[in-house]
């Protein structure tokens, strides 16, 4: 049984995202870090020939990313542990029993 989570990886343009060529970034690296540090919501996307090579983000954003990674890892662990309970069950059996449980709950409501 598989559970699929769809997460958008598209970095949409916004007022907070600035794009800069890697050559320009090398020349302005100190200024870029200062800007991101001062404006915690600013992100600088570094490109080479139009391809995103990386990003400069604030310590605040880094902390958020770490927390999201931790939550994702915890969720995956929980889902894997739950899946172990059903490893000997066929997908058909799981679906059948799930539908029974759903119908039982609906009837009780």
N, C-alpha and C. Protein backbone atom coordinates (compact mmCIF):
# COMPACT_ATOMS: atom_id res chain seq x y z
N UNK A 1 0.85 -1.18 0.00
CA UNK A 1 0.00 0.00 0.00
C UNK A 1 0.89 1.23 0.00
N UNK A 2 0.54 2.20 -0.81
CA UNK A 2 1.33 3.41 -0.92
C UNK A 2 0.47 4.63 -0.61
N UNK A 3 1.07 5.57 0.06
CA UNK A 3 0.43 6.86 0.30
C UNK A 3 1.28 7.90 -0.40
N UNK A 4 0.66 8.69 -1.24
CA UNK A 4 1.40 9.67 -2.03
C UNK A 4 1.05 11.06 -1.54
N UNK A 5 2.09 11.81 -1.21
CA UNK A 5 1.92 13.19 -0.81
C UNK A 5 2.43 14.05 -1.95
N UNK A 6 1.63 14.98 -2.40
CA UNK A 6 2.07 15.85 -3.47
C UNK A 6 2.47 17.18 -2.87
N UNK A 7 3.71 17.54 -3.11
CA UNK A 7 4.25 18.79 -2.58
C UNK A 7 4.76 19.59 -3.76
N UNK A 8 4.37 20.83 -3.82
CA UNK A 8 4.83 21.68 -4.90
C UNK A 8 6.26 22.10 -4.66
N UNK A 9 7.10 21.93 -5.68
CA UNK A 9 8.49 22.37 -5.58
C UNK A 9 8.72 23.62 -6.41
N UNK A 10 7.64 24.16 -6.93
CA UNK A 10 7.75 25.33 -7.76
C UNK A 10 7.97 26.56 -6.89
N UNK A 11 9.11 27.21 -7.06
CA UNK A 11 9.41 28.41 -6.28
C UNK A 11 8.79 29.60 -6.99
N UNK A 12 7.60 29.96 -6.62
CA UNK A 12 6.89 31.03 -7.30
C UNK A 12 7.53 32.37 -7.00
N UNK A 13 7.47 33.22 -8.00
CA UNK A 13 8.01 34.57 -7.83
C UNK A 13 7.10 35.35 -6.89
N UNK A 14 7.67 36.11 -6.05
CA UNK A 14 6.91 37.01 -5.18
C UNK A 14 7.80 38.20 -4.88
N UNK A 15 7.25 39.13 -4.14
CA UNK A 15 8.03 40.31 -3.75
C UNK A 15 9.22 39.91 -2.89
N UNK A 16 9.10 38.77 -2.21
CA UNK A 16 10.14 38.32 -1.29
C UNK A 16 11.31 37.66 -2.01
N UNK A 17 11.07 37.13 -3.21
CA UNK A 17 12.13 36.42 -3.93
C UNK A 17 12.82 37.33 -4.92
N UNK A 18 14.13 37.40 -4.81
CA UNK A 18 14.93 38.15 -5.77
C UNK A 18 15.78 37.15 -6.52
N UNK A 19 15.94 37.34 -7.82
CA UNK A 19 16.78 36.47 -8.64
C UNK A 19 18.04 37.21 -9.02
N UNK A 20 19.15 36.49 -8.98
CA UNK A 20 20.42 37.10 -9.34
C UNK A 20 21.30 36.04 -10.03
N UNK A 21 22.05 36.49 -11.02
CA UNK A 21 22.98 35.62 -11.72
C UNK A 21 24.15 35.31 -10.79
N UNK A 22 24.71 34.13 -10.91
CA UNK A 22 25.78 33.69 -10.01
C UNK A 22 27.00 34.60 -10.09
N UNK A 23 27.29 35.15 -11.27
CA UNK A 23 28.43 36.07 -11.40
C UNK A 23 28.21 37.34 -10.59
N UNK A 24 26.99 37.88 -10.65
CA UNK A 24 26.66 39.06 -9.87
C UNK A 24 26.65 38.74 -8.38
N UNK A 25 26.17 37.53 -8.05
CA UNK A 25 26.10 37.12 -6.64
C UNK A 25 27.50 37.08 -6.03
N UNK A 26 28.48 36.61 -6.79
CA UNK A 26 29.86 36.56 -6.27
C UNK A 26 30.35 37.96 -5.90
N UNK A 27 30.00 38.93 -6.73
CA UNK A 27 30.46 40.30 -6.51
C UNK A 27 29.74 40.96 -5.33
N UNK A 28 28.50 40.55 -5.08
CA UNK A 28 27.68 41.21 -4.07
C UNK A 28 27.35 40.28 -2.89
N UNK A 29 28.14 39.26 -2.67
CA UNK A 29 27.79 38.23 -1.68
C UNK A 29 27.53 38.80 -0.29
N UNK A 30 28.37 39.70 0.16
CA UNK A 30 28.20 40.28 1.49
C UNK A 30 26.90 41.07 1.57
N UNK A 31 26.63 41.86 0.56
CA UNK A 31 25.40 42.66 0.51
C UNK A 31 24.17 41.75 0.48
N UNK A 32 24.23 40.66 -0.28
CA UNK A 32 23.09 39.73 -0.37
C UNK A 32 22.78 39.11 0.99
N UNK A 33 23.83 38.68 1.69
CA UNK A 33 23.61 38.09 3.02
C UNK A 33 23.06 39.13 4.00
N UNK A 34 23.58 40.35 3.94
CA UNK A 34 23.07 41.41 4.82
C UNK A 34 21.60 41.69 4.54
N UNK A 35 21.22 41.75 3.26
CA UNK A 35 19.82 42.02 2.91
C UNK A 35 18.89 40.92 3.43
N UNK A 36 19.31 39.67 3.25
CA UNK A 36 18.48 38.55 3.70
C UNK A 36 18.39 38.54 5.23
N UNK A 37 19.49 38.85 5.90
CA UNK A 37 19.48 38.87 7.36
C UNK A 37 18.58 39.98 7.89
N UNK A 38 18.66 41.15 7.28
CA UNK A 38 17.85 42.29 7.75
C UNK A 38 16.37 42.08 7.45
N UNK A 39 16.06 41.58 6.27
CA UNK A 39 14.67 41.34 5.88
C UNK A 39 14.44 39.84 5.91
N UNK A 40 13.95 39.34 7.03
CA UNK A 40 13.82 37.90 7.26
C UNK A 40 12.96 37.19 6.21
N UNK A 41 12.12 37.93 5.49
CA UNK A 41 11.25 37.29 4.51
C UNK A 41 11.84 37.33 3.11
N UNK A 42 12.97 37.95 2.94
CA UNK A 42 13.59 38.02 1.62
C UNK A 42 14.38 36.76 1.34
N UNK A 43 14.28 36.30 0.10
CA UNK A 43 15.06 35.15 -0.35
C UNK A 43 15.74 35.54 -1.66
N UNK A 44 16.98 35.15 -1.79
CA UNK A 44 17.70 35.46 -3.02
C UNK A 44 17.97 34.14 -3.75
N UNK A 45 17.43 34.03 -4.94
CA UNK A 45 17.60 32.84 -5.76
C UNK A 45 18.77 33.08 -6.69
N UNK A 46 19.75 32.19 -6.64
CA UNK A 46 20.97 32.34 -7.44
C UNK A 46 20.87 31.41 -8.66
N UNK A 47 21.06 32.00 -9.85
CA UNK A 47 20.91 31.25 -11.10
C UNK A 47 22.21 31.27 -11.90
N UNK A 48 22.35 30.24 -12.70
CA UNK A 48 23.45 30.18 -13.67
C UNK A 48 22.82 29.78 -15.00
N UNK A 49 22.90 30.66 -15.97
CA UNK A 49 22.29 30.43 -17.29
C UNK A 49 20.81 30.09 -17.16
N UNK A 50 20.12 30.77 -16.25
CA UNK A 50 18.68 30.57 -16.08
C UNK A 50 18.30 29.36 -15.24
N UNK A 51 19.27 28.60 -14.76
CA UNK A 51 19.01 27.42 -13.94
C UNK A 51 19.26 27.76 -12.48
N UNK A 52 18.30 27.45 -11.63
CA UNK A 52 18.44 27.74 -10.20
C UNK A 52 19.55 26.85 -9.63
N UNK A 53 20.57 27.49 -9.07
CA UNK A 53 21.71 26.79 -8.49
C UNK A 53 21.61 26.71 -6.97
N UNK A 54 20.89 27.65 -6.38
CA UNK A 54 20.76 27.67 -4.93
C UNK A 54 19.99 28.89 -4.50
N UNK A 55 19.95 29.07 -3.21
CA UNK A 55 19.23 30.22 -2.66
C UNK A 55 19.88 30.66 -1.36
N UNK A 56 19.79 31.94 -1.10
CA UNK A 56 20.26 32.49 0.16
C UNK A 56 19.01 32.82 0.96
N UNK A 57 18.89 32.19 2.13
CA UNK A 57 17.70 32.39 2.95
C UNK A 57 18.12 32.85 4.34
N UNK A 58 17.17 33.40 5.06
CA UNK A 58 17.44 33.92 6.40
C UNK A 58 17.54 32.77 7.41
N UNK A 59 18.14 33.06 8.56
CA UNK A 59 18.16 32.05 9.63
C UNK A 59 16.74 31.63 10.04
N UNK A 60 15.79 32.56 9.95
CA UNK A 60 14.39 32.26 10.26
C UNK A 60 13.85 31.20 9.30
N UNK A 61 14.09 31.39 7.98
CA UNK A 61 13.65 30.42 6.99
C UNK A 61 14.35 29.08 7.17
N UNK A 62 15.62 29.10 7.50
CA UNK A 62 16.36 27.87 7.72
C UNK A 62 15.76 27.09 8.89
N UNK A 63 15.42 27.78 9.95
CA UNK A 63 14.80 27.12 11.10
C UNK A 63 13.45 26.51 10.71
N UNK A 64 12.67 27.24 9.89
CA UNK A 64 11.39 26.70 9.42
C UNK A 64 11.59 25.46 8.57
N UNK A 65 12.57 25.49 7.69
CA UNK A 65 12.85 24.33 6.84
C UNK A 65 13.26 23.12 7.68
N UNK A 66 14.08 23.36 8.69
CA UNK A 66 14.49 22.25 9.57
C UNK A 66 13.29 21.66 10.29
N UNK A 67 12.40 22.52 10.75
CA UNK A 67 11.20 22.05 11.45
C UNK A 67 10.29 21.26 10.49
N UNK A 68 10.15 21.74 9.26
CA UNK A 68 9.35 21.01 8.27
C UNK A 68 9.97 19.66 7.95
N UNK A 69 11.28 19.61 7.82
CA UNK A 69 11.96 18.34 7.58
C UNK A 69 11.72 17.37 8.73
N UNK A 70 11.79 17.88 9.96
CA UNK A 70 11.57 17.04 11.13
C UNK A 70 10.14 16.50 11.14
N UNK A 71 9.17 17.37 10.86
CA UNK A 71 7.77 16.93 10.83
C UNK A 71 7.54 15.89 9.74
N UNK A 72 8.15 16.11 8.57
CA UNK A 72 8.03 15.14 7.47
C UNK A 72 8.60 13.79 7.89
N UNK A 73 9.77 13.81 8.51
CA UNK A 73 10.40 12.56 8.95
C UNK A 73 9.54 11.84 9.98
N UNK A 74 8.96 12.60 10.90
CA UNK A 74 8.08 12.01 11.92
C UNK A 74 6.85 11.40 11.27
N UNK A 75 6.27 12.10 10.28
CA UNK A 75 5.09 11.62 9.58
C UNK A 75 5.41 10.32 8.84
N UNK A 76 6.54 10.28 8.16
CA UNK A 76 6.94 9.09 7.42
C UNK A 76 7.14 7.91 8.37
N UNK A 77 7.74 8.16 9.53
CA UNK A 77 7.94 7.11 10.52
C UNK A 77 6.59 6.56 10.99
N UNK A 78 5.66 7.46 11.28
CA UNK A 78 4.32 7.05 11.73
C UNK A 78 3.62 6.22 10.65
N UNK A 79 3.69 6.70 9.41
CA UNK A 79 3.03 5.99 8.31
C UNK A 79 3.66 4.61 8.10
N UNK A 80 4.98 4.54 8.18
CA UNK A 80 5.65 3.24 8.04
C UNK A 80 5.25 2.29 9.17
N UNK A 81 5.17 2.81 10.39
CA UNK A 81 4.75 1.98 11.53
C UNK A 81 3.32 1.48 11.35
N UNK A 82 2.44 2.36 10.86
CA UNK A 82 1.07 1.96 10.61
C UNK A 82 1.00 0.90 9.51
N UNK A 83 1.82 1.07 8.49
CA UNK A 83 1.83 0.13 7.38
C UNK A 83 2.26 -1.26 7.78
N UNK A 84 3.14 -1.34 8.79
CA UNK A 84 3.61 -2.64 9.27
C UNK A 84 2.45 -3.49 9.81
N UNK A 85 1.44 -2.84 10.34
CA UNK A 85 0.28 -3.56 10.88
C UNK A 85 -0.50 -4.27 9.78
N UNK A 86 -0.34 -3.81 8.55
CA UNK A 86 -1.12 -4.35 7.44
C UNK A 86 -0.25 -5.06 6.41
N UNK A 87 1.00 -5.34 6.74
CA UNK A 87 1.91 -5.90 5.74
C UNK A 87 1.48 -7.28 5.24
N UNK A 88 0.72 -8.03 6.04
CA UNK A 88 0.26 -9.36 5.61
C UNK A 88 -1.11 -9.33 4.95
N UNK A 89 -1.69 -8.14 4.85
CA UNK A 89 -3.02 -7.98 4.25
C UNK A 89 -2.89 -7.60 2.78
N UNK A 90 -3.79 -8.09 1.96
CA UNK A 90 -3.81 -7.69 0.56
C UNK A 90 -4.44 -6.31 0.44
N UNK A 91 -4.14 -5.62 -0.64
CA UNK A 91 -4.74 -4.29 -0.85
C UNK A 91 -6.25 -4.40 -0.92
N UNK A 92 -6.73 -5.48 -1.55
CA UNK A 92 -8.17 -5.69 -1.67
C UNK A 92 -8.83 -5.84 -0.30
N UNK A 93 -8.19 -6.58 0.57
CA UNK A 93 -8.71 -6.78 1.92
C UNK A 93 -8.72 -5.46 2.71
N UNK A 94 -7.66 -4.70 2.59
CA UNK A 94 -7.58 -3.41 3.28
C UNK A 94 -8.67 -2.47 2.78
N UNK A 95 -8.86 -2.42 1.47
CA UNK A 95 -9.89 -1.56 0.90
C UNK A 95 -11.28 -1.99 1.36
N UNK A 96 -11.54 -3.28 1.32
CA UNK A 96 -12.85 -3.82 1.73
C UNK A 96 -13.13 -3.47 3.19
N UNK A 97 -12.16 -3.69 4.07
CA UNK A 97 -12.36 -3.40 5.50
C UNK A 97 -12.47 -1.90 5.76
N UNK A 98 -11.74 -1.11 5.00
CA UNK A 98 -11.83 0.35 5.15
C UNK A 98 -13.22 0.85 4.76
N UNK A 99 -13.74 0.34 3.66
CA UNK A 99 -15.08 0.74 3.22
C UNK A 99 -16.14 0.32 4.22
N UNK A 100 -15.99 -0.86 4.82
CA UNK A 100 -16.92 -1.30 5.87
C UNK A 100 -16.90 -0.33 7.04
N UNK A 101 -15.70 0.05 7.47
CA UNK A 101 -15.57 0.97 8.60
C UNK A 101 -16.18 2.32 8.28
N UNK A 102 -15.94 2.81 7.08
CA UNK A 102 -16.51 4.11 6.67
C UNK A 102 -18.03 4.04 6.66
N UNK A 103 -18.59 2.99 6.10
CA UNK A 103 -20.05 2.85 6.06
C UNK A 103 -20.64 2.74 7.46
N UNK A 104 -19.94 2.06 8.34
CA UNK A 104 -20.41 1.93 9.72
C UNK A 104 -20.47 3.29 10.40
N UNK A 105 -19.43 4.10 10.19
CA UNK A 105 -19.38 5.44 10.77
C UNK A 105 -20.48 6.31 10.19
N UNK A 106 -20.69 6.21 8.90
CA UNK A 106 -21.74 7.02 8.24
C UNK A 106 -23.12 6.66 8.77
N UNK A 107 -23.37 5.39 8.98
CA UNK A 107 -24.67 4.94 9.48
C UNK A 107 -24.90 5.43 10.92
N UNK A 108 -23.84 5.51 11.68
CA UNK A 108 -23.93 5.94 13.08
C UNK A 108 -24.17 7.43 13.19
N UNK A 109 -23.82 8.19 12.13
CA UNK A 109 -23.96 9.65 12.18
C UNK A 109 -25.39 10.08 11.96
